[in-house]
Amino acid sequence: ALPIYVKGWDIIFAFGNKMINEKMELLQERLARGEKVEGEYLTYLLSSGKLTNKEICGSVAELLLAGVDTTSNTLAWTLYHMAKDPEIQNDLYQELVSVIPGNRIPTAD
């Protein structure tokens, strides 16, 4: 049996491959209508001929993971440093309470 992280990578690569296939279909439709197909990262990768489909899939997977990895890493370090400094914790708490008073649930507004 494969380790769970290998299965996770397979899922990520399958998703990346799905995105590539969908983009290829859209590119073909745009070309059929005589529209331009330039200026987008994936379009460039697909049309440049410099990478194989496997390499493009790897690039897409890395992009998908980069956003997750960097965000979680940044959040982890932020929480670590806040945990070490109660004064900063209190400052952040006071700022949040001033913006979101009472028991109001924050919204995008």
PDB file of N, CA and C in Angstrom:
ATOM      1  N   ALA A   1       0.849  -1.188   0.000  1.00  0.00           N
ATOM      2  CA  ALA A   1       0.000   0.000   0.000  1.00  0.00           C
ATOM      3  C   ALA A   1       0.894   1.250   0.000  1.00  0.00           C
ATOM      4  N   LEU A   2       0.427   2.243  -0.680  1.00  0.00           N
ATOM      5  CA  LEU A   2       1.171   3.500  -0.752  1.00  0.00           C
ATOM      6  C   LEU A   2       0.978   4.316   0.517  1.00  0.00           C
ATOM      7  N   PRO A   3       2.029   5.015   0.945  1.00  0.00           N
ATOM      8  CA  PRO A   3       1.868   5.919   2.090  1.00  0.00           C
ATOM      9  C   PRO A   3       0.826   6.992   1.767  1.00  0.00           C
ATOM     10  N   ILE A   4       0.194   7.511   2.802  1.00  0.00           N
ATOM     11  CA  ILE A   4      -0.889   8.480   2.615  1.00  0.00           C
ATOM     12  C   ILE A   4      -0.423   9.744   1.888  1.00  0.00           C
ATOM     13  N   TYR A   5       0.827  10.182   2.125  1.00  0.00           N
ATOM     14  CA  TYR A   5       1.285  11.395   1.458  1.00  0.00           C
ATOM     15  C   TYR A   5       1.434  11.178  -0.045  1.00  0.00           C
ATOM     16  N   VAL A   6       1.746   9.936  -0.462  1.00  0.00           N
ATOM     17  CA  VAL A   6       1.836   9.648  -1.896  1.00  0.00           C
ATOM     18  C   VAL A   6       0.442   9.730  -2.513  1.00  0.00           C
ATOM     19  N   LYS A   7      -0.544   9.220  -1.807  1.00  0.00           N
ATOM     20  CA  LYS A   7      -1.928   9.312  -2.296  1.00  0.00           C
ATOM     21  C   LYS A   7      -2.349  10.774  -2.407  1.00  0.00           C
ATOM     22  N   GLY A   8      -1.909  11.585  -1.427  1.00  0.00           N
ATOM     23  CA  GLY A   8      -2.214  13.019  -1.480  1.00  0.00           C
ATOM     24  C   GLY A   8      -1.611  13.671  -2.712  1.00  0.00           C
ATOM     25  N   TRP A   9      -0.353  13.325  -3.005  1.00  0.00           N
ATOM     26  CA  TRP A   9       0.295  13.868  -4.213  1.00  0.00           C
ATOM     27  C   TRP A   9      -0.452  13.425  -5.466  1.00  0.00           C
ATOM     28  N   ASP A  10      -0.893  12.169  -5.490  1.00  0.00           N
ATOM     29  CA  ASP A  10      -1.646  11.687  -6.648  1.00  0.00           C
ATOM     30  C   ASP A  10      -2.910  12.515  -6.854  1.00  0.00           C
ATOM     31  N   ILE A  11      -3.578  12.858  -5.768  1.00  0.00           N
ATOM     32  CA  ILE A  11      -4.789  13.678  -5.854  1.00  0.00           C
ATOM     33  C   ILE A  11      -4.446  15.067  -6.389  1.00  0.00           C
ATOM     34  N   ILE A  12      -3.366  15.648  -5.879  1.00  0.00           N
ATOM     35  CA  ILE A  12      -2.958  16.983  -6.333  1.00  0.00           C
ATOM     36  C   ILE A  12      -2.599  16.962  -7.817  1.00  0.00           C
ATOM     37  N   PHE A  13      -1.842  15.959  -8.238  1.00  0.00           N
ATOM     38  CA  PHE A  13      -1.475  15.870  -9.647  1.00  0.00           C
ATOM     39  C   PHE A  13      -2.699  15.619 -10.523  1.00  0.00           C
ATOM     40  N   ALA A  14      -3.641  14.802 -10.050  1.00  0.00           N
ATOM     41  CA  ALA A  14      -4.864  14.553 -10.820  1.00  0.00           C
ATOM     42  C   ALA A  14      -5.657  15.854 -10.985  1.00  0.00           C
ATOM     43  N   PHE A  15      -5.729  16.652  -9.914  1.00  0.00           N
ATOM     44  CA  PHE A  15      -6.430  17.935  -9.991  1.00  0.00           C
ATOM     45  C   PHE A  15      -5.722  18.872 -10.968  1.00  0.00           C
ATOM     46  N   GLY A  16      -4.386  18.927 -10.881  1.00  0.00           N
ATOM     47  CA  GLY A  16      -3.616  19.751 -11.809  1.00  0.00           C
ATOM     48  C   GLY A  16      -3.825  19.315 -13.249  1.00  0.00           C
ATOM     49  N   ASN A  17      -3.837  18.009 -13.471  1.00  0.00           N
ATOM     50  CA  ASN A  17      -4.068  17.484 -14.814  1.00  0.00           C
ATOM     51  C   ASN A  17      -5.461  17.843 -15.315  1.00  0.00           C
ATOM     52  N   LYS A  18      -6.442  17.792 -14.417  1.00  0.00           N
ATOM     53  CA  LYS A  18      -7.815  18.183 -14.780  1.00  0.00           C
ATOM     54  C   LYS A  18      -7.847  19.653 -15.194  1.00  0.00           C
ATOM     55  N   MET A  19      -7.156  20.510 -14.432  1.00  0.00           N
ATOM     56  CA  MET A  19      -7.112  21.934 -14.785  1.00  0.00           C
ATOM     57  C   MET A  19      -6.465  22.144 -16.155  1.00  0.00           C
ATOM     58  N   ILE A  20      -5.399  21.421 -16.408  1.00  0.00           N
ATOM     59  CA  ILE A  20      -4.705  21.543 -17.691  1.00  0.00           C
ATOM     60  C   ILE A  20      -5.617  21.117 -18.833  1.00  0.00           C
ATOM     61  N   ASN A  21      -6.300  19.995 -18.661  1.00  0.00           N
ATOM     62  CA  ASN A  21      -7.207  19.519 -19.712  1.00  0.00           C
ATOM     63  C   ASN A  21      -8.345  20.502 -19.971  1.00  0.00           C
ATOM     64  N   GLU A  22      -8.906  21.069 -18.891  1.00  0.00           N
ATOM     65  CA  GLU A  22      -9.968  22.063 -19.055  1.00  0.00           C
ATOM     66  C   GLU A  22      -9.441  23.299 -19.773  1.00  0.00           C
ATOM     67  N   LYS A  23      -8.237  23.723 -19.422  1.00  0.00           N
ATOM     68  CA  LYS A  23      -7.640  24.897 -20.069  1.00  0.00           C
ATOM     69  C   LYS A  23      -7.379  24.608 -21.539  1.00  0.00           C
ATOM     70  N   MET A  24      -6.924  23.416 -21.858  1.00  0.00           N
ATOM     71  CA  MET A  24      -6.680  23.050 -23.254  1.00  0.00           C
ATOM     72  C   MET A  24      -7.977  23.125 -24.058  1.00  0.00           C
ATOM     73  N   GLU A  25      -9.070  22.658 -23.475  1.00  0.00           N
ATOM     74  CA  GLU A  25     -10.369  22.734 -24.161  1.00  0.00           C
ATOM     75  C   GLU A  25     -10.762  24.193 -24.404  1.00  0.00           C
ATOM     76  N   LEU A  26     -10.581  25.043 -23.377  1.00  0.00           N
ATOM     77  CA  LEU A  26     -10.907  26.466 -23.535  1.00  0.00           C
ATOM     78  C   LEU A  26     -10.025  27.120 -24.589  1.00  0.00           C
ATOM     79  N   LEU A  27      -8.748  26.769 -24.605  1.00  0.00           N
ATOM     80  CA  LEU A  27      -7.841  27.331 -25.612  1.00  0.00           C
ATOM     81  C   LEU A  27      -8.274  26.932 -27.014  1.00  0.00           C
ATOM     82  N   GLN A  28      -8.645  25.677 -27.175  1.00  0.00           N
ATOM     83  CA  GLN A  28      -9.101  25.209 -28.485  1.00  0.00           C
ATOM     84  C   GLN A  28     -10.359  25.958 -28.925  1.00  0.00           C
ATOM     85  N   GLU A  29     -11.280  26.180 -28.000  1.00  0.00           N
ATOM     86  CA  GLU A  29     -12.504  26.928 -28.308  1.00  0.00           C
ATOM     87  C   GLU A  29     -12.170  28.366 -28.702  1.00  0.00           C
ATOM     88  N   ARG A  30     -11.264  29.002 -27.961  1.00  0.00           N
ATOM     89  CA  ARG A  30     -10.874  30.385 -28.274  1.00  0.00           C
ATOM     90  C   ARG A  30     -10.180  30.464 -29.622  1.00  0.00           C
ATOM     91  N   LEU A  31      -9.311  29.501 -29.905  1.00  0.00           N
ATOM     92  CA  LEU A  31      -8.637  29.480 -31.202  1.00  0.00           C
ATOM     93  C   LEU A  31      -9.639  29.297 -32.331  1.00  0.00           C
ATOM     94  N   ALA A  32     -10.632  28.439 -32.101  1.00  0.00           N
ATOM     95  CA  ALA A  32     -11.660  28.196 -33.120  1.00  0.00           C
ATOM     96  C   ALA A  32     -12.465  29.456 -33.410  1.00  0.00           C
ATOM     97  N   ARG A  33     -12.609  30.330 -32.412  1.00  0.00           N
ATOM     98  CA  ARG A  33     -13.339  31.595 -32.602  1.00  0.00           C
ATOM     99  C   ARG A  33     -12.417  32.701 -33.103  1.00  0.00           C
ATOM    100  N   GLY A  34     -11.128  32.400 -33.270  1.00  0.00           N
ATOM    101  CA  GLY A  34     -10.177  33.389 -33.750  1.00  0.00           C
ATOM    102  C   GLY A  34      -9.701  34.362 -32.686  1.00  0.00           C
ATOM    103  N   GLU A  35      -9.855  33.999 -31.407  1.00  0.00           N
ATOM    104  CA  GLU A  35      -9.446  34.872 -30.313  1.00  0.00           C
ATOM    105  C   GLU A  35      -7.967  34.665 -29.981  1.00  0.00           C
ATOM    106  N   LYS A  36      -7.377  35.685 -29.326  1.00  0.00           N
ATOM    107  CA  LYS A  36      -5.999  35.573 -28.845  1.00  0.00           C
ATOM    108  C   LYS A  36      -5.934  34.592 -27.685  1.00  0.00           C
ATOM    109  N   VAL A  37      -4.829  33.882 -27.598  1.00  0.00           N
ATOM    110  CA  VAL A  37      -4.644  32.948 -26.489  1.00  0.00           C
ATOM    111  C   VAL A  37      -3.259  33.153 -25.872  1.00  0.00           C
ATOM    112  N   GLU A  38      -3.045  34.376 -25.390  1.00  0.00           N
ATOM    113  CA  GLU A  38      -1.758  34.660 -24.771  1.00  0.00           C
ATOM    114  C   GLU A  38      -1.960  35.480 -23.502  1.00  0.00           C
ATOM    115  N   GLY A  39      -0.905  35.568 -22.710  1.00  0.00           N
ATOM    116  CA  GLY A  39      -0.935  36.443 -21.549  1.00  0.00           C
ATOM    117  C   GLY A  39      -1.289  35.783 -20.235  1.00  0.00           C
ATOM    118  N   GLU A  40      -1.538  34.482 -20.244  1.00  0.00           N
ATOM    119  CA  GLU A  40      -1.855  33.771 -19.019  1.00  0.00           C
ATOM    120  C   GLU A  40      -0.771  32.737 -18.775  1.00  0.00           C
ATOM    121  N   TYR A  41      -0.440  32.482 -17.530  1.00  0.00           N
ATOM    122  CA  TYR A  41       0.672  31.593 -17.190  1.00  0.00           C
ATOM    123  C   TYR A  41       0.487  30.189 -17.764  1.00  0.00           C
ATOM    124  N   LEU A  42      -0.658  29.577 -17.511  1.00  0.00           N
ATOM    125  CA  LEU A  42      -0.888  28.221 -17.997  1.00  0.00           C
ATOM    126  C   LEU A  42      -0.931  28.193 -19.518  1.00  0.00           C
ATOM    127  N   THR A  43      -1.516  29.208 -20.113  1.00  0.00           N
ATOM    128  CA  THR A  43      -1.537  29.293 -21.576  1.00  0.00           C
ATOM    129  C   THR A  43      -0.112  29.328 -22.115  1.00  0.00           C
ATOM    130  N   TYR A  44       0.731  30.119 -21.471  1.00  0.00           N
ATOM    131  CA  TYR A  44       2.134  30.188 -21.893  1.00  0.00           C
ATOM    132  C   TYR A  44       2.797  28.821 -21.787  1.00  0.00           C
ATOM    133  N   LEU A  45       2.610  28.150 -20.646  1.00  0.00           N
ATOM    134  CA  LEU A  45       3.228  26.838 -20.472  1.00  0.00           C
ATOM    135  C   LEU A  45       2.765  25.851 -21.539  1.00  0.00           C
ATOM    136  N   LEU A  46       1.465  25.876 -21.818  1.00  0.00           N
ATOM    137  CA  LEU A  46       0.912  24.928 -22.777  1.00  0.00           C
ATOM    138  C   LEU A  46       1.331  25.234 -24.210  1.00  0.00           C
ATOM    139  N   SER A  47       1.463  26.502 -24.545  1.00  0.00           N
ATOM    140  CA  SER A  47       1.734  26.867 -25.941  1.00  0.00           C
ATOM    141  C   SER A  47       3.214  27.041 -26.261  1.00  0.00           C
ATOM    142  N   SER A  48       4.071  27.120 -25.237  1.00  0.00           N
ATOM    143  CA  SER A  48       5.489  27.387 -25.496  1.00  0.00           C
ATOM    144  C   SER A  48       6.218  26.192 -26.104  1.00  0.00           C
ATOM    145  N   GLY A  49       5.753  24.989 -25.813  1.00  0.00           N
ATOM    146  CA  GLY A  49       6.421  23.799 -26.316  1.00  0.00           C
ATOM    147  C   GLY A  49       7.721  23.492 -25.595  1.00  0.00           C
ATOM    148  N   LYS A  50       8.013  24.222 -24.516  1.00  0.00           N
ATOM    149  CA  LYS A  50       9.273  24.035 -23.789  1.00  0.00           C
ATOM    150  C   LYS A  50       9.180  22.945 -22.720  1.00  0.00           C
ATOM    151  N   LEU A  51       7.963  22.605 -22.311  1.00  0.00           N
ATOM    152  CA  LEU A  51       7.769  21.619 -21.258  1.00  0.00           C
ATOM    153  C   LEU A  51       6.870  20.499 -21.752  1.00  0.00           C
ATOM    154  N   THR A  52       7.087  19.309 -21.203  1.00  0.00           N
ATOM    155  CA  THR A  52       6.180  18.203 -21.491  1.00  0.00           C
ATOM    156  C   THR A  52       4.909  18.390 -20.661  1.00  0.00           C
ATOM    157  N   ASN A  53       3.868  17.646 -20.999  1.00  0.00           N
ATOM    158  CA  ASN A  53       2.631  17.732 -20.212  1.00  0.00           C
ATOM    159  C   ASN A  53       2.886  17.319 -18.762  1.00  0.00           C
ATOM    160  N   LYS A  54       3.766  16.333 -18.558  1.00  0.00           N
ATOM    161  CA  LYS A  54       4.089  15.897 -17.205  1.00  0.00           C
ATOM    162  C   LYS A  54       4.771  17.024 -16.427  1.00  0.00           C
ATOM    163  N   GLU A  55       5.676  17.756 -17.087  1.00  0.00           N
ATOM    164  CA  GLU A  55       6.348  18.872 -16.432  1.00  0.00           C
ATOM    165  C   GLU A  55       5.377  20.010 -16.126  1.00  0.00           C
ATOM    166  N   ILE A  56       4.446  20.248 -17.051  1.00  0.00           N
ATOM    167  CA  ILE A  56       3.433  21.288 -16.816  1.00  0.00           C
ATOM    168  C   ILE A  56       2.550  20.895 -15.642  1.00  0.00           C
ATOM    169  N   CYS A  57       2.167  19.633 -15.574  1.00  0.00           N
ATOM    170  CA  CYS A  57       1.350  19.147 -14.459  1.00  0.00           C
ATOM    171  C   CYS A  57       2.103  19.333 -13.148  1.00  0.00           C
ATOM    172  N   GLY A  58       3.402  19.048 -13.141  1.00  0.00           N
ATOM    173  CA  GLY A  58       4.224  19.261 -11.946  1.00  0.00           C
ATOM    174  C   GLY A  58       4.275  20.717 -11.551  1.00  0.00           C
ATOM    175  N   SER A  59       4.378  21.596 -12.545  1.00  0.00           N
ATOM    176  CA  SER A  59       4.421  23.035 -12.269  1.00  0.00           C
ATOM    177  C   SER A  59       3.102  23.506 -11.659  1.00  0.00           C
ATOM    178  N   VAL A  60       1.991  23.032 -12.201  1.00  0.00           N
ATOM    179  CA  VAL A  60       0.676  23.405 -11.665  1.00  0.00           C
ATOM    180  C   VAL A  60       0.526  22.885 -10.236  1.00  0.00           C
ATOM    181  N   ALA A  61       0.967  21.649  -9.988  1.00  0.00           N
ATOM    182  CA  ALA A  61       0.882  21.088  -8.637  1.00  0.00           C
ATOM    183  C   ALA A  61       1.707  21.913  -7.654  1.00  0.00           C
ATOM    184  N   GLU A  62       2.898  22.332  -8.077  1.00  0.00           N
ATOM    185  CA  GLU A  62       3.734  23.164  -7.207  1.00  0.00           C
ATOM    186  C   GLU A  62       3.065  24.496  -6.907  1.00  0.00           C
ATOM    187  N   LEU A  63       2.405  25.082  -7.904  1.00  0.00           N
ATOM    188  CA  LEU A  63       1.692  26.337  -7.672  1.00  0.00           C
ATOM    189  C   LEU A  63       0.546  26.145  -6.689  1.00  0.00           C
ATOM    190  N   LEU A  64      -0.176  25.040  -6.842  1.00  0.00           N
ATOM    191  CA  LEU A  64      -1.279  24.760  -5.923  1.00  0.00           C
ATOM    192  C   LEU A  64      -0.766  24.598  -4.498  1.00  0.00           C
ATOM    193  N   LEU A  65       0.349  23.904  -4.341  1.00  0.00           N
ATOM    194  CA  LEU A  65       0.899  23.680  -3.005  1.00  0.00           C
ATOM    195  C   LEU A  65       1.560  24.915  -2.429  1.00  0.00           C
ATOM    196  N   ALA A  66       2.124  25.738  -3.272  1.00  0.00           N
ATOM    197  CA  ALA A  66       2.846  26.919  -2.777  1.00  0.00           C
ATOM    198  C   ALA A  66       1.930  27.828  -1.971  1.00  0.00           C
ATOM    199  N   GLY A  67       0.730  28.055  -2.457  1.00  0.00           N
ATOM    200  CA  GLY A  67      -0.200  28.916  -1.731  1.00  0.00           C
ATOM    201  C   GLY A  67      -0.590  28.338  -0.389  1.00  0.00           C
ATOM    202  N   VAL A  68      -0.757  27.046  -0.337  1.00  0.00           N
ATOM    203  CA  VAL A  68      -1.138  26.391   0.911  1.00  0.00           C
ATOM    204  C   VAL A  68       0.038  26.377   1.875  1.00  0.00           C
ATOM    205  N   ASP A  69       1.191  25.972   1.371  1.00  0.00           N
ATOM    206  CA  ASP A  69       2.364  25.823   2.225  1.00  0.00           C
ATOM    207  C   ASP A  69       2.814  27.159   2.804  1.00  0.00           C
ATOM    208  N   THR A  70       2.881  28.186   1.992  1.00  0.00           N
ATOM    209  CA  THR A  70       3.369  29.471   2.488  1.00  0.00           C
ATOM    210  C   THR A  70       2.387  30.090   3.479  1.00  0.00           C
ATOM    211  N   THR A  71       1.097  29.948   3.219  1.00  0.00           N
ATOM    212  CA  THR A  71       0.093  30.502   4.128  1.00  0.00           C
ATOM    213  C   THR A  71       0.150  29.791   5.478  1.00  0.00           C
ATOM    214  N   SER A  72       0.190  28.475   5.456  1.00  0.00           N
ATOM    215  CA  SER A  72       0.214  27.738   6.728  1.00  0.00           C
ATOM    216  C   SER A  72       1.512  27.986   7.477  1.00  0.00           C
ATOM    217  N   ASN A  73       2.613  28.085   6.762  1.00  0.00           N
ATOM    218  CA  ASN A  73       3.900  28.347   7.395  1.00  0.00           C
ATOM    219  C   ASN A  73       3.906  29.738   8.045  1.00  0.00           C
ATOM    220  N   THR A  74       3.402  30.730   7.322  1.00  0.00           N
ATOM    221  CA  THR A  74       3.339  32.092   7.859  1.00  0.00           C
ATOM    222  C   THR A  74       2.438  32.146   9.090  1.00  0.00           C
ATOM    223  N   LEU A  75       1.297  31.510   9.013  1.00  0.00           N
ATOM    224  CA  LEU A  75       0.371  31.492  10.152  1.00  0.00           C
ATOM    225  C   LEU A  75       0.990  30.775  11.357  1.00  0.00           C
ATOM    226  N   ALA A  76       1.674  29.675  11.118  1.00  0.00           N
ATOM    227  CA  ALA A  76       2.308  28.942  12.212  1.00  0.00           C
ATOM    228  C   ALA A  76       3.358  29.805  12.918  1.00  0.00           C
ATOM    229  N   TRP A  77       4.187  30.499  12.143  1.00  0.00           N
ATOM    230  CA  TRP A  77       5.203  31.358  12.758  1.00  0.00           C
ATOM    231  C   TRP A  77       4.569  32.539  13.488  1.00  0.00           C
ATOM    232  N   THR A  78       3.507  33.082  12.929  1.00  0.00           N
ATOM    233  CA  THR A  78       2.808  34.188  13.580  1.00  0.00           C
ATOM    234  C   THR A  78       2.272  33.751  14.939  1.00  0.00           C
ATOM    235  N   LEU A  79       1.615  32.606  14.957  1.00  0.00           N
ATOM    236  CA  LEU A  79       1.068  32.100  16.216  1.00  0.00           C
ATOM    237  C   LEU A  79       2.176  31.764  17.213  1.00  0.00           C
ATOM    238  N   TYR A  80       3.273  31.232  16.724  1.00  0.00           N
ATOM    239  CA  TYR A  80       4.412  30.914  17.593  1.00  0.00           C
ATOM    240  C   TYR A  80       4.933  32.177  18.276  1.00  0.00           C
ATOM    241  N   HIS A  81       5.155  33.227  17.483  1.00  0.00           N
ATOM    242  CA  HIS A  81       5.696  34.468  18.058  1.00  0.00           C
ATOM    243  C   HIS A  81       4.687  35.164  18.971  1.00  0.00           C
ATOM    244  N   MET A  82       3.414  35.087  18.615  1.00  0.00           N
ATOM    245  CA  MET A  82       2.405  35.676  19.502  1.00  0.00           C
ATOM    246  C   MET A  82       2.346  34.921  20.827  1.00  0.00           C
ATOM    247  N   ALA A  83       2.504  33.601  20.770  1.00  0.00           N
ATOM    248  CA  ALA A  83       2.465  32.798  21.998  1.00  0.00           C
ATOM    249  C   ALA A  83       3.618  33.140  22.925  1.00  0.00           C
ATOM    250  N   LYS A  84       4.709  33.609  22.363  1.00  0.00           N
ATOM    251  CA  LYS A  84       5.885  33.950  23.173  1.00  0.00           C
ATOM    252  C   LYS A  84       5.800  35.360  23.759  1.00  0.00           C
ATOM    253  N   ASP A  85       4.848  36.168  23.305  1.00  0.00           N
ATOM    254  CA  ASP A  85       4.799  37.564  23.753  1.00  0.00           C
ATOM    255  C   ASP A  85       3.364  37.947  24.127  1.00  0.00           C
ATOM    256  N   PRO A  86       3.011  37.799  25.414  1.00  0.00           N
ATOM    257  CA  PRO A  86       1.644  38.115  25.866  1.00  0.00           C
ATOM    258  C   PRO A  86       1.233  39.565  25.588  1.00  0.00           C
ATOM    259  N   GLU A  87       2.184  40.486  25.588  1.00  0.00           N
ATOM    260  CA  GLU A  87       1.851  41.883  25.317  1.00  0.00           C
ATOM    261  C   GLU A  87       1.338  42.050  23.883  1.00  0.00           C
ATOM    262  N   ILE A  88       1.994  41.391  22.950  1.00  0.00           N
ATOM    263  CA  ILE A  88       1.538  41.459  21.549  1.00  0.00           C
ATOM    264  C   ILE A  88       0.167  40.789  21.422  1.00  0.00           C
ATOM    265  N   GLN A  89      -0.022  39.680  22.121  1.00  0.00           N
ATOM    266  CA  GLN A  89      -1.332  39.025  22.118  1.00  0.00           C
ATOM    267  C   GLN A  89      -2.415  39.985  22.581  1.00  0.00           C
ATOM    268  N   ASN A  90      -2.150  40.678  23.666  1.00  0.00           N
ATOM    269  CA  ASN A  90      -3.126  41.615  24.215  1.00  0.00           C
ATOM    270  C   ASN A  90      -3.388  42.768  23.248  1.00  0.00           C
ATOM    271  N   ASP A  91      -2.326  43.301  22.624  1.00  0.00           N
ATOM    272  CA  ASP A  91      -2.496  44.384  21.648  1.00  0.00           C
ATOM    273  C   ASP A  91      -3.397  43.938  20.494  1.00  0.00           C
ATOM    274  N   LEU A  92      -3.146  42.742  19.996  1.00  0.00           N
ATOM    275  CA  LEU A  92      -3.964  42.223  18.897  1.00  0.00           C
ATOM    276  C   LEU A  92      -5.409  42.025  19.355  1.00  0.00           C
ATOM    277  N   TYR A  93      -5.580  41.471  20.538  1.00  0.00           N
ATOM    278  CA  TYR A  93      -6.922  41.271  21.080  1.00  0.00           C
ATOM    279  C   TYR A  93      -7.671  42.595  21.191  1.00  0.00           C
ATOM    280  N   GLN A  94      -7.011  43.620  21.739  1.00  0.00           N
ATOM    281  CA  GLN A  94      -7.647  44.930  21.897  1.00  0.00           C
ATOM    282  C   GLN A  94      -8.032  45.518  20.537  1.00  0.00           C
ATOM    283  N   GLU A  95      -7.173  45.358  19.566  1.00  0.00           N
ATOM    284  CA  GLU A  95      -7.486  45.867  18.232  1.00  0.00           C
ATOM    285  C   GLU A  95      -8.686  45.138  17.636  1.00  0.00           C
ATOM    286  N   LEU A  96      -8.719  43.817  17.777  1.00  0.00           N
ATOM    287  CA  LEU A  96      -9.843  43.048  17.251  1.00  0.00           C
ATOM    288  C   LEU A  96     -11.153  43.407  17.939  1.00  0.00           C
ATOM    289  N   VAL A  97     -11.111  43.553  19.256  1.00  0.00           N
ATOM    290  CA  VAL A  97     -12.313  43.906  20.012  1.00  0.00           C
ATOM    291  C   VAL A  97     -12.815  45.292  19.600  1.00  0.00           C
ATOM    292  N   SER A  98     -11.912  46.199  19.274  1.00  0.00           N
ATOM    293  CA  SER A  98     -12.337  47.543  18.869  1.00  0.00           C
ATOM    294  C   SER A  98     -12.984  47.543  17.481  1.00  0.00           C
ATOM    295  N   VAL A  99     -12.597  46.599  16.646  1.00  0.00           N
ATOM    296  CA  VAL A  99     -13.144  46.531  15.285  1.00  0.00           C
ATOM    297  C   VAL A  99     -14.382  45.651  15.239  1.00  0.00           C
ATOM    298  N   ILE A 100     -14.402  44.608  16.064  1.00  0.00           N
ATOM    299  CA  ILE A 100     -15.515  43.658  16.095  1.00  0.00           C
ATOM    300  C   ILE A 100     -16.047  43.621  17.525  1.00  0.00           C
ATOM    301  N   PRO A 101     -16.853  44.613  17.893  1.00  0.00           N
ATOM    302  CA  PRO A 101     -17.321  44.690  19.283  1.00  0.00           C
ATOM    303  C   PRO A 101     -18.312  43.579  19.642  1.00  0.00           C
ATOM    304  N   GLY A 102     -18.319  43.265  20.922  1.00  0.00           N
ATOM    305  CA  GLY A 102     -19.303  42.324  21.455  1.00  0.00           C
ATOM    306  C   GLY A 102     -19.133  40.925  20.910  1.00  0.00           C
ATOM    307  N   ASN A 103     -20.263  40.279  20.714  1.00  0.00           N
ATOM    308  CA  ASN A 103     -20.216  38.907  20.221  1.00  0.00           C
ATOM    309  C   ASN A 103     -20.599  38.835  18.739  1.00  0.00           C
ATOM    310  N   ARG A 104     -20.386  39.934  18.022  1.00  0.00           N
ATOM    311  CA  ARG A 104     -20.705  39.988  16.594  1.00  0.00           C
ATOM    312  C   ARG A 104     -19.750  39.094  15.811  1.00  0.00           C
ATOM    313  N   ILE A 105     -20.279  38.322  14.894  1.00  0.00           N
ATOM    314  CA  ILE A 105     -19.470  37.452  14.048  1.00  0.00           C
ATOM    315  C   ILE A 105     -18.927  38.266  12.885  1.00  0.00           C
ATOM    316  N   PRO A 106     -17.611  38.221  12.639  1.00  0.00           N
ATOM    317  CA  PRO A 106     -17.037  38.990  11.535  1.00  0.00           C
ATOM    318  C   PRO A 106     -17.548  38.524  10.182  1.00  0.00           C
ATOM    319  N   THR A 107     -17.701  39.469   9.274  1.00  0.00           N
ATOM    320  CA  THR A 107     -18.112  39.146   7.906  1.00  0.00           C
ATOM    321  C   THR A 107     -17.137  39.820   6.941  1.00  0.00           C
ATOM    322  N   ALA A 108     -17.306  39.553   5.669  1.00  0.00           N
ATOM    323  CA  ALA A 108     -16.446  40.157   4.642  1.00  0.00           C
ATOM    324  C   ALA A 108     -16.737  41.644   4.494  1.00  0.00           C
ATOM    325  N   ASP A 109     -17.880  42.113   4.985  1.00  0.00           N
ATOM    326  CA  ASP A 109     -18.234  43.533   4.874  1.00  0.00           C
ATOM    327  C   ASP A 109     -17.417  44.302   5.867  1.00  0.00           C
TER     328      ASP A 109
END
